[in-house]
Amino acid sequence: MANIPALHTTITGSGPGILLAHGATGSIADNYAALAPALAAAGHTVVAPDYPGSGETPRATGPLTLDGLADALVAQAVAAGVETFTLVGFSLGTAVSVRAAARHPERVHGLVLTAGLARPDRHADITLGLWAHLLEQGDHASFARSRTLTGWSRRHLNGLSQAEADALLAPDPSLWPAGSAEQAALVRTVDTTADLPGIAVPTLVIATTEDELIHPSHSRGLADRIPGAEYAEVAAGHVVMHERYEEWAGLILDFLDRHGL
């Protein structure tokens, strides 16, 4: 696939397939460190690819495209012998998951979409454009501040110790993926609006109701446009897996169990 290197992928567990799609400026380790083993322990084969520039995957050689990234993730599952699967997507990963379901309906048997969007609104577009500018300028201190303000809920941030807050604000570029700029740029271009009415698999949409990056109305829109989609809410900021992991994981595991996925 043009511009996309081989995705470094970990495979754990056995049973019905789960394909993980992480968020922009994140990684499998950052977004799914706790959920992946929980899914494997619950009797699933978990396929976990890192996007270009995340984890051990090299950076892309050009701009990322939604089709290219969706196809690359599906190819990793098939290469691992997982012919069909449920896609669990977070943030950018929700758009990747929806596009994968639209392009490969014979392989996708279910969707779980957390803190997602069909296309960015102006607030998200401005924020992501700011990130791109700061990364281009090498202003890692300001990038860390912006990423922290939009990633965590106000309630959670205010409850952190000074040491915990300082750790989030550390201007250390090794703390975020090398491919962050390309991944953030992709979010600004996604539009899966036309894909949503054609989704015909069990779907759970989870809104993060204190999200400062992707407003929870985007999740409500996904649930309204995907036929038969279930909708749930977690009172957390964007990085729900770090703020309210148990509640979030419980919703996902319950959904998979109820639908036999």
C-alpha atoms as a PDB file:
ATOM      1  CA  MET A   1       0.000   0.000   0.000  1.00  0.00           C
ATOM      2  CA  ALA A   2       1.420   3.352  -1.069  1.00  0.00           C
ATOM      3  CA  ASN A   3       3.200   5.326   1.669  1.00  0.00           C
ATOM      4  CA  ILE A   4       2.412   2.722   4.344  1.00  0.00           C
ATOM      5  CA  PRO A   5       5.223   0.495   5.642  1.00  0.00           C
ATOM      6  CA  ALA A   6       4.650  -2.954   7.121  1.00  0.00           C
ATOM      7  CA  LEU A   7       2.763  -2.403  10.364  1.00  0.00           C
ATOM      8  CA  HIS A   8       4.368  -3.834  13.484  1.00  0.00           C
ATOM      9  CA  THR A   9       1.671  -6.090  14.909  1.00  0.00           C
ATOM     10  CA  THR A  10       1.273  -8.120  18.071  1.00  0.00           C
ATOM     11  CA  ILE A  11      -1.087 -11.101  18.207  1.00  0.00           C
ATOM     12  CA  THR A  12      -2.308 -12.578  21.475  1.00  0.00           C
ATOM     13  CA  GLY A  13      -4.956 -15.010  22.662  1.00  0.00           C
ATOM     14  CA  SER A  14      -7.187 -17.391  20.781  1.00  0.00           C
ATOM     15  CA  GLY A  15     -10.821 -17.403  19.762  1.00  0.00           C
ATOM     16  CA  PRO A  16     -12.998 -14.962  17.790  1.00  0.00           C
ATOM     17  CA  GLY A  17     -10.939 -12.188  16.219  1.00  0.00           C
ATOM     18  CA  ILE A  18     -10.544  -8.649  17.514  1.00  0.00           C
ATOM     19  CA  LEU A  19      -8.670  -6.036  15.441  1.00  0.00           C
ATOM     20  CA  LEU A  20      -7.584  -2.919  17.340  1.00  0.00           C
ATOM     21  CA  ALA A  21      -7.404   0.542  15.734  1.00  0.00           C
ATOM     22  CA  HIS A  22      -5.717   3.144  17.933  1.00  0.00           C
ATOM     23  CA  GLY A  23      -5.969   6.925  17.937  1.00  0.00           C
ATOM     24  CA  ALA A  24      -3.832   9.620  16.327  1.00  0.00           C
ATOM     25  CA  THR A  25      -0.659  10.537  18.261  1.00  0.00           C
ATOM     26  CA  GLY A  26      -1.196   7.301  20.196  1.00  0.00           C
ATOM     27  CA  SER A  27      -0.188   3.669  19.886  1.00  0.00           C
ATOM     28  CA  ILE A  28      -1.354   0.204  20.826  1.00  0.00           C
ATOM     29  CA  ALA A  29       0.641   0.451  24.051  1.00  0.00           C
ATOM     30  CA  ASP A  30      -0.820   3.849  24.914  1.00  0.00           C
ATOM     31  CA  ASN A  31      -4.462   3.147  24.031  1.00  0.00           C
ATOM     32  CA  TYR A  32      -4.855  -0.603  24.588  1.00  0.00           C
ATOM     33  CA  ALA A  33      -2.183  -1.741  27.070  1.00  0.00           C
ATOM     34  CA  ALA A  34      -4.813  -2.975  29.529  1.00  0.00           C
ATOM     35  CA  LEU A  35      -7.675  -3.814  27.141  1.00  0.00           C
ATOM     36  CA  ALA A  36      -5.720  -6.073  24.769  1.00  0.00           C
ATOM     37  CA  PRO A  37      -4.805  -8.656  27.439  1.00  0.00           C
ATOM     38  CA  ALA A  38      -8.316  -8.435  28.902  1.00  0.00           C
ATOM     39  CA  LEU A  39      -9.773  -9.282  25.484  1.00  0.00           C
ATOM     40  CA  ALA A  40      -7.334 -12.163  25.074  1.00  0.00           C
ATOM     41  CA  ALA A  41      -8.203 -13.466  28.548  1.00  0.00           C
ATOM     42  CA  ALA A  42     -11.899 -13.313  27.614  1.00  0.00           C
ATOM     43  CA  GLY A  43     -11.292 -15.747  24.736  1.00  0.00           C
ATOM     44  CA  HIS A  44     -10.346 -13.642  21.728  1.00  0.00           C
ATOM     45  CA  THR A  45      -7.515 -13.547  19.234  1.00  0.00           C
ATOM     46  CA  VAL A  46      -6.351  -9.938  19.443  1.00  0.00           C
ATOM     47  CA  VAL A  47      -4.559  -8.410  16.441  1.00  0.00           C
ATOM     48  CA  ALA A  48      -2.918  -5.121  17.408  1.00  0.00           C
ATOM     49  CA  PRO A  49      -1.126  -3.141  14.650  1.00  0.00           C
ATOM     50  CA  ASP A  50       0.651   0.153  15.271  1.00  0.00           C
ATOM     51  CA  TYR A  51       0.100   2.869  12.661  1.00  0.00           C
ATOM     52  CA  PRO A  52       3.049   4.293  10.726  1.00  0.00           C
ATOM     53  CA  GLY A  53       5.250   6.185  13.151  1.00  0.00           C
ATOM     54  CA  SER A  54       3.765   4.526  16.269  1.00  0.00           C
ATOM     55  CA  GLY A  55       5.308   1.762  18.334  1.00  0.00           C
ATOM     56  CA  GLU A  56       7.868  -0.104  16.252  1.00  0.00           C
ATOM     57  CA  THR A  57       6.260   0.716  12.898  1.00  0.00           C
ATOM     58  CA  PRO A  58       8.398   3.038  10.713  1.00  0.00           C
ATOM     59  CA  ARG A  59       6.998   6.401   9.647  1.00  0.00           C
ATOM     60  CA  ALA A  60       5.097   6.652   6.378  1.00  0.00           C
ATOM     61  CA  THR A  61       6.882   7.899   3.289  1.00  0.00           C
ATOM     62  CA  GLY A  62       4.091  10.356   2.497  1.00  0.00           C
ATOM     63  CA  PRO A  63       0.647  11.490   3.695  1.00  0.00           C
ATOM     64  CA  LEU A  64      -1.614   8.854   5.203  1.00  0.00           C
ATOM     65  CA  THR A  65      -5.010   8.094   3.680  1.00  0.00           C
ATOM     66  CA  LEU A  66      -7.996   6.586   5.424  1.00  0.00           C
ATOM     67  CA  ASP A  67      -8.464   3.903   2.759  1.00  0.00           C
ATOM     68  CA  GLY A  68      -4.793   2.976   2.862  1.00  0.00           C
ATOM     69  CA  LEU A  69      -4.702   2.719   6.638  1.00  0.00           C
ATOM     70  CA  ALA A  70      -7.951   0.736   6.829  1.00  0.00           C
ATOM     71  CA  ASP A  71      -6.725  -1.705   4.190  1.00  0.00           C
ATOM     72  CA  ALA A  72      -3.366  -2.065   5.933  1.00  0.00           C
ATOM     73  CA  LEU A  73      -4.996  -2.995   9.248  1.00  0.00           C
ATOM     74  CA  VAL A  74      -7.274  -5.539   7.616  1.00  0.00           C
ATOM     75  CA  ALA A  75      -4.309  -7.036   5.768  1.00  0.00           C
ATOM     76  CA  GLN A  76      -2.487  -7.526   9.072  1.00  0.00           C
ATOM     77  CA  ALA A  77      -5.396  -9.502  10.517  1.00  0.00           C
ATOM     78  CA  VAL A  78      -5.712 -11.680   7.423  1.00  0.00           C
ATOM     79  CA  ALA A  79      -1.951 -12.285   7.370  1.00  0.00           C
ATOM     80  CA  ALA A  80      -2.222 -13.475  10.967  1.00  0.00           C
ATOM     81  CA  GLY A  81      -4.870 -16.009   9.944  1.00  0.00           C
ATOM     82  CA  VAL A  82      -7.729 -14.013  11.436  1.00  0.00           C
ATOM     83  CA  GLU A  83     -10.139 -13.954   8.508  1.00  0.00           C
ATOM     84  CA  THR A  84     -13.050 -12.261  10.279  1.00  0.00           C
ATOM     85  CA  PHE A  85     -13.092  -9.984  13.304  1.00  0.00           C
ATOM     86  CA  THR A  86     -14.674  -7.228  15.353  1.00  0.00           C
ATOM     87  CA  LEU A  87     -12.953  -3.875  15.033  1.00  0.00           C
ATOM     88  CA  VAL A  88     -12.389  -1.912  18.241  1.00  0.00           C
ATOM     89  CA  GLY A  89     -11.555   1.670  17.306  1.00  0.00           C
ATOM     90  CA  PHE A  90     -10.643   4.708  19.391  1.00  0.00           C
ATOM     91  CA  SER A  91     -10.689   8.323  18.114  1.00  0.00           C
ATOM     92  CA  LEU A  92      -9.092   8.242  14.622  1.00  0.00           C
ATOM     93  CA  GLY A  93      -9.456   4.475  14.937  1.00  0.00           C
ATOM     94  CA  THR A  94     -13.249   4.833  14.764  1.00  0.00           C
ATOM     95  CA  ALA A  95     -13.001   6.301  11.258  1.00  0.00           C
ATOM     96  CA  VAL A  96     -10.466   3.619  10.298  1.00  0.00           C
ATOM     97  CA  SER A  97     -12.853   0.963  11.613  1.00  0.00           C
ATOM     98  CA  VAL A  98     -15.904   2.303   9.784  1.00  0.00           C
ATOM     99  CA  ARG A  99     -13.968   2.581   6.530  1.00  0.00           C
ATOM    100  CA  ALA A 100     -12.625  -0.960   6.971  1.00  0.00           C
ATOM    101  CA  ALA A 101     -16.182  -2.224   7.485  1.00  0.00           C
ATOM    102  CA  ALA A 102     -17.328  -0.388   4.355  1.00  0.00           C
ATOM    103  CA  ARG A 103     -14.457  -1.690   2.210  1.00  0.00           C
ATOM    104  CA  HIS A 104     -14.268  -5.220   3.658  1.00  0.00           C
ATOM    105  CA  PRO A 105     -17.796  -6.130   4.818  1.00  0.00           C
ATOM    106  CA  GLU A 106     -17.087  -9.844   4.430  1.00  0.00           C
ATOM    107  CA  ARG A 107     -14.443  -9.628   7.162  1.00  0.00           C
ATOM    108  CA  VAL A 108     -15.936  -7.236   9.735  1.00  0.00           C
ATOM    109  CA  HIS A 109     -18.502  -8.833  12.050  1.00  0.00           C
ATOM    110  CA  GLY A 110     -18.824  -6.055  14.631  1.00  0.00           C
ATOM    111  CA  LEU A 111     -17.710  -2.542  15.596  1.00  0.00           C
ATOM    112  CA  VAL A 112     -16.891  -0.818  18.875  1.00  0.00           C
ATOM    113  CA  LEU A 113     -16.325   2.934  18.399  1.00  0.00           C
ATOM    114  CA  THR A 114     -15.059   5.090  21.293  1.00  0.00           C
ATOM    115  CA  ALA A 115     -14.601   8.884  21.335  1.00  0.00           C
ATOM    116  CA  GLY A 116     -15.048   8.901  17.590  1.00  0.00           C
ATOM    117  CA  LEU A 117     -16.156  10.995  14.682  1.00  0.00           C
ATOM    118  CA  ALA A 118     -17.323  10.779  11.100  1.00  0.00           C
ATOM    119  CA  ARG A 119     -15.545  14.010  10.223  1.00  0.00           C
ATOM    120  CA  PRO A 120     -13.906  16.722  12.340  1.00  0.00           C
ATOM    121  CA  ASP A 121     -15.704  19.893  13.315  1.00  0.00           C
ATOM    122  CA  ARG A 122     -13.986  23.284  13.250  1.00  0.00           C
ATOM    123  CA  HIS A 123     -12.805  23.023  16.863  1.00  0.00           C
ATOM    124  CA  ALA A 124     -11.052  19.698  16.228  1.00  0.00           C
ATOM    125  CA  ASP A 125      -9.640  20.931  12.918  1.00  0.00           C
ATOM    126  CA  ILE A 126      -8.128  24.032  14.534  1.00  0.00           C
ATOM    127  CA  THR A 127      -6.679  21.970  17.386  1.00  0.00           C
ATOM    128  CA  LEU A 128      -5.120  19.428  15.040  1.00  0.00           C
ATOM    129  CA  GLY A 129      -3.779  22.200  12.829  1.00  0.00           C
ATOM    130  CA  LEU A 130      -2.173  23.741  15.898  1.00  0.00           C
ATOM    131  CA  TRP A 131      -0.565  20.398  16.732  1.00  0.00           C
ATOM    132  CA  ALA A 132       0.867  20.137  13.232  1.00  0.00           C
ATOM    133  CA  HIS A 133       2.274  23.671  13.489  1.00  0.00           C
ATOM    134  CA  LEU A 134       3.848  23.052  16.895  1.00  0.00           C
ATOM    135  CA  LEU A 135       5.414  19.772  15.769  1.00  0.00           C
ATOM    136  CA  GLU A 136       6.754  21.409  12.615  1.00  0.00           C
ATOM    137  CA  GLN A 137       8.293  24.186  14.728  1.00  0.00           C
ATOM    138  CA  GLY A 138       9.725  21.713  17.222  1.00  0.00           C
ATOM    139  CA  ASP A 139       7.797  23.404  20.034  1.00  0.00           C
ATOM    140  CA  HIS A 140       7.427  20.275  22.124  1.00  0.00           C
ATOM    141  CA  ALA A 141       6.535  22.129  25.321  1.00  0.00           C
ATOM    142  CA  SER A 142       3.502  23.786  23.724  1.00  0.00           C
ATOM    143  CA  PHE A 143       2.496  20.540  22.005  1.00  0.00           C
ATOM    144  CA  ALA A 144       2.555  18.729  25.340  1.00  0.00           C
ATOM    145  CA  ARG A 145       0.380  21.450  26.873  1.00  0.00           C
ATOM    146  CA  SER A 146      -2.176  21.364  24.062  1.00  0.00           C
ATOM    147  CA  ARG A 147      -2.270  17.571  23.978  1.00  0.00           C
ATOM    148  CA  THR A 148      -2.812  17.476  27.739  1.00  0.00           C
ATOM    149  CA  LEU A 149      -5.566  20.098  27.725  1.00  0.00           C
ATOM    150  CA  THR A 150      -7.501  18.255  25.008  1.00  0.00           C
ATOM    151  CA  GLY A 151      -6.744  14.683  26.061  1.00  0.00           C
ATOM    152  CA  TRP A 152      -7.884  14.783  29.665  1.00  0.00           C
ATOM    153  CA  SER A 153     -11.056  16.040  31.282  1.00  0.00           C
ATOM    154  CA  ARG A 154     -10.915  19.189  33.395  1.00  0.00           C
ATOM    155  CA  ARG A 155     -12.060  17.132  36.387  1.00  0.00           C
ATOM    156  CA  HIS A 156      -9.272  14.589  35.979  1.00  0.00           C
ATOM    157  CA  LEU A 157      -6.558  17.186  35.401  1.00  0.00           C
ATOM    158  CA  ASN A 158      -7.573  19.129  38.482  1.00  0.00           C
ATOM    159  CA  GLY A 159      -7.334  15.951  40.543  1.00  0.00           C
ATOM    160  CA  LEU A 160      -3.745  15.134  39.570  1.00  0.00           C
ATOM    161  CA  SER A 161      -0.800  15.695  41.846  1.00  0.00           C
ATOM    162  CA  GLN A 162       1.769  18.263  40.767  1.00  0.00           C
ATOM    163  CA  ALA A 163       4.194  15.491  39.856  1.00  0.00           C
ATOM    164  CA  GLU A 164       1.582  13.749  37.709  1.00  0.00           C
ATOM    165  CA  ALA A 165       0.721  16.993  35.928  1.00  0.00           C
ATOM    166  CA  ASP A 166       4.392  17.768  35.357  1.00  0.00           C
ATOM    167  CA  ALA A 167       4.875  14.343  33.779  1.00  0.00           C
ATOM    168  CA  LEU A 168       2.108  15.031  31.265  1.00  0.00           C
ATOM    169  CA  LEU A 169       3.597  18.412  30.414  1.00  0.00           C
ATOM    170  CA  ALA A 170       7.160  17.186  29.916  1.00  0.00           C
ATOM    171  CA  PRO A 171       8.493  18.605  26.600  1.00  0.00           C
ATOM    172  CA  ASP A 172       9.992  15.261  25.608  1.00  0.00           C
ATOM    173  CA  PRO A 173       9.265  14.234  21.996  1.00  0.00           C
ATOM    174  CA  SER A 174      10.015  10.598  22.852  1.00  0.00           C
ATOM    175  CA  LEU A 175       6.756  10.559  24.838  1.00  0.00           C
ATOM    176  CA  TRP A 176       4.615  10.685  21.678  1.00  0.00           C
ATOM    177  CA  PRO A 177       4.896   8.801  18.383  1.00  0.00           C
ATOM    178  CA  ALA A 178       7.284   9.948  15.673  1.00  0.00           C
ATOM    179  CA  GLY A 179       4.382   9.827  13.222  1.00  0.00           C
ATOM    180  CA  SER A 180       2.148  12.121  15.266  1.00  0.00           C
ATOM    181  CA  ALA A 181       2.090  14.887  12.637  1.00  0.00           C
ATOM    182  CA  GLU A 182       0.984  12.551   9.826  1.00  0.00           C
ATOM    183  CA  GLN A 183      -1.627  10.892  12.019  1.00  0.00           C
ATOM    184  CA  ALA A 184      -3.074  14.208  13.189  1.00  0.00           C
ATOM    185  CA  ALA A 185      -3.148  15.447   9.589  1.00  0.00           C
ATOM    186  CA  LEU A 186      -5.184  12.402   8.586  1.00  0.00           C
ATOM    187  CA  VAL A 187      -7.852  13.166  11.204  1.00  0.00           C
ATOM    188  CA  ARG A 188      -8.388  16.548   9.568  1.00  0.00           C
ATOM    189  CA  THR A 189      -9.320  14.862   6.263  1.00  0.00           C
ATOM    190  CA  VAL A 190     -11.516  11.947   7.321  1.00  0.00           C
ATOM    191  CA  ASP A 191     -15.158  11.779   6.328  1.00  0.00           C
ATOM    192  CA  THR A 192     -17.038   8.505   6.767  1.00  0.00           C
ATOM    193  CA  THR A 193     -20.491  10.086   6.676  1.00  0.00           C
ATOM    194  CA  ALA A 194     -21.484   8.234   3.512  1.00  0.00           C
ATOM    195  CA  ASP A 195     -20.271   4.903   4.951  1.00  0.00           C
ATOM    196  CA  LEU A 196     -22.414   4.945   8.075  1.00  0.00           C
ATOM    197  CA  PRO A 197     -25.875   4.008   6.686  1.00  0.00           C
ATOM    198  CA  GLY A 198     -24.407   0.907   5.033  1.00  0.00           C
ATOM    199  CA  ILE A 199     -22.952  -0.566   8.222  1.00  0.00           C
ATOM    200  CA  ALA A 200     -24.842  -3.791   8.850  1.00  0.00           C
ATOM    201  CA  VAL A 201     -23.061  -5.371  11.827  1.00  0.00           C
ATOM    202  CA  PRO A 202     -23.625  -5.081  15.586  1.00  0.00           C
ATOM    203  CA  THR A 203     -22.135  -1.759  16.662  1.00  0.00           C
ATOM    204  CA  LEU A 204     -21.474  -0.151  20.026  1.00  0.00           C
ATOM    205  CA  VAL A 205     -20.724   3.589  20.147  1.00  0.00           C
ATOM    206  CA  ILE A 206     -19.196   4.904  23.377  1.00  0.00           C
ATOM    207  CA  ALA A 207     -19.227   8.662  23.959  1.00  0.00           C
ATOM    208  CA  THR A 208     -16.736  10.357  26.268  1.00  0.00           C
ATOM    209  CA  THR A 209     -18.914  13.055  27.752  1.00  0.00           C
ATOM    210  CA  GLU A 210     -16.125  15.310  29.129  1.00  0.00           C
ATOM    211  CA  ASP A 211     -14.096  15.217  25.917  1.00  0.00           C
ATOM    212  CA  GLU A 212     -12.269  18.457  25.046  1.00  0.00           C
ATOM    213  CA  LEU A 213     -10.946  17.203  21.683  1.00  0.00           C
ATOM    214  CA  ILE A 214     -13.774  15.318  19.961  1.00  0.00           C
ATOM    215  CA  HIS A 215     -17.089  16.596  21.273  1.00  0.00           C
ATOM    216  CA  PRO A 216     -19.434  13.806  22.460  1.00  0.00           C
ATOM    217  CA  SER A 217     -22.039  14.947  19.934  1.00  0.00           C
ATOM    218  CA  HIS A 218     -19.880  13.237  17.308  1.00  0.00           C
ATOM    219  CA  SER A 219     -20.448   9.873  18.987  1.00  0.00           C
ATOM    220  CA  ARG A 220     -24.172  10.549  19.185  1.00  0.00           C
ATOM    221  CA  GLY A 221     -24.084  11.269  15.447  1.00  0.00           C
ATOM    222  CA  LEU A 222     -22.329   7.977  14.728  1.00  0.00           C
ATOM    223  CA  ALA A 223     -24.917   6.055  16.729  1.00  0.00           C
ATOM    224  CA  ASP A 224     -27.802   7.858  15.027  1.00  0.00           C
ATOM    225  CA  ARG A 225     -26.489   7.132  11.520  1.00  0.00           C
ATOM    226  CA  ILE A 226     -25.409   3.502  11.942  1.00  0.00           C
ATOM    227  CA  PRO A 227     -28.510   1.290  11.721  1.00  0.00           C
ATOM    228  CA  GLY A 228     -29.245  -0.439  15.024  1.00  0.00           C
ATOM    229  CA  ALA A 229     -26.172   0.913  16.809  1.00  0.00           C
ATOM    230  CA  GLU A 230     -26.076   0.757  20.599  1.00  0.00           C
ATOM    231  CA  TYR A 231     -25.004   3.896  22.458  1.00  0.00           C
ATOM    232  CA  ALA A 232     -23.309   4.305  25.833  1.00  0.00           C
ATOM    233  CA  GLU A 233     -21.592   7.129  27.701  1.00  0.00           C
ATOM    234  CA  VAL A 234     -18.608   7.333  30.025  1.00  0.00           C
ATOM    235  CA  ALA A 235     -17.979  10.505  32.031  1.00  0.00           C
ATOM    236  CA  ALA A 236     -14.372  10.949  30.969  1.00  0.00           C
ATOM    237  CA  GLY A 237     -12.107  13.013  28.767  1.00  0.00           C
ATOM    238  CA  HIS A 238     -10.771  11.825  25.437  1.00  0.00           C
ATOM    239  CA  VAL A 239      -8.286   9.299  26.807  1.00  0.00           C
ATOM    240  CA  VAL A 240     -10.983   7.307  28.569  1.00  0.00           C
ATOM    241  CA  MET A 241      -8.731   4.263  28.925  1.00  0.00           C
ATOM    242  CA  HIS A 242      -6.573   6.256  31.332  1.00  0.00           C
ATOM    243  CA  GLU A 243      -9.397   7.975  33.220  1.00  0.00           C
ATOM    244  CA  ARG A 244     -12.169   5.352  33.467  1.00  0.00           C
ATOM    245  CA  TYR A 245     -10.679   2.078  32.237  1.00  0.00           C
ATOM    246  CA  GLU A 246     -12.858  -0.363  34.206  1.00  0.00           C
ATOM    247  CA  GLU A 247     -16.137   1.217  33.110  1.00  0.00           C
ATOM    248  CA  TRP A 248     -14.996   1.483  29.493  1.00  0.00           C
ATOM    249  CA  ALA A 249     -13.654  -2.059  29.290  1.00  0.00           C
ATOM    250  CA  GLY A 250     -16.775  -3.410  30.965  1.00  0.00           C
ATOM    251  CA  LEU A 251     -18.995  -1.917  28.278  1.00  0.00           C
ATOM    252  CA  ILE A 252     -16.852  -3.447  25.531  1.00  0.00           C
ATOM    253  CA  LEU A 253     -16.600  -6.926  27.050  1.00  0.00           C
ATOM    254  CA  ASP A 254     -20.330  -7.005  27.780  1.00  0.00           C
ATOM    255  CA  PHE A 255     -21.176  -5.993  24.204  1.00  0.00           C
ATOM    256  CA  LEU A 256     -18.912  -8.659  22.713  1.00  0.00           C
ATOM    257  CA  ASP A 257     -20.372 -11.316  24.996  1.00  0.00           C
ATOM    258  CA  ARG A 258     -24.014 -10.405  24.332  1.00  0.00           C
ATOM    259  CA  HIS A 259     -23.521 -10.530  20.560  1.00  0.00           C
ATOM    260  CA  GLY A 260     -21.301 -13.610  20.527  1.00  0.00           C
ATOM    261  CA  LEU A 261     -18.521 -11.666  18.845  1.00  0.00           C
END
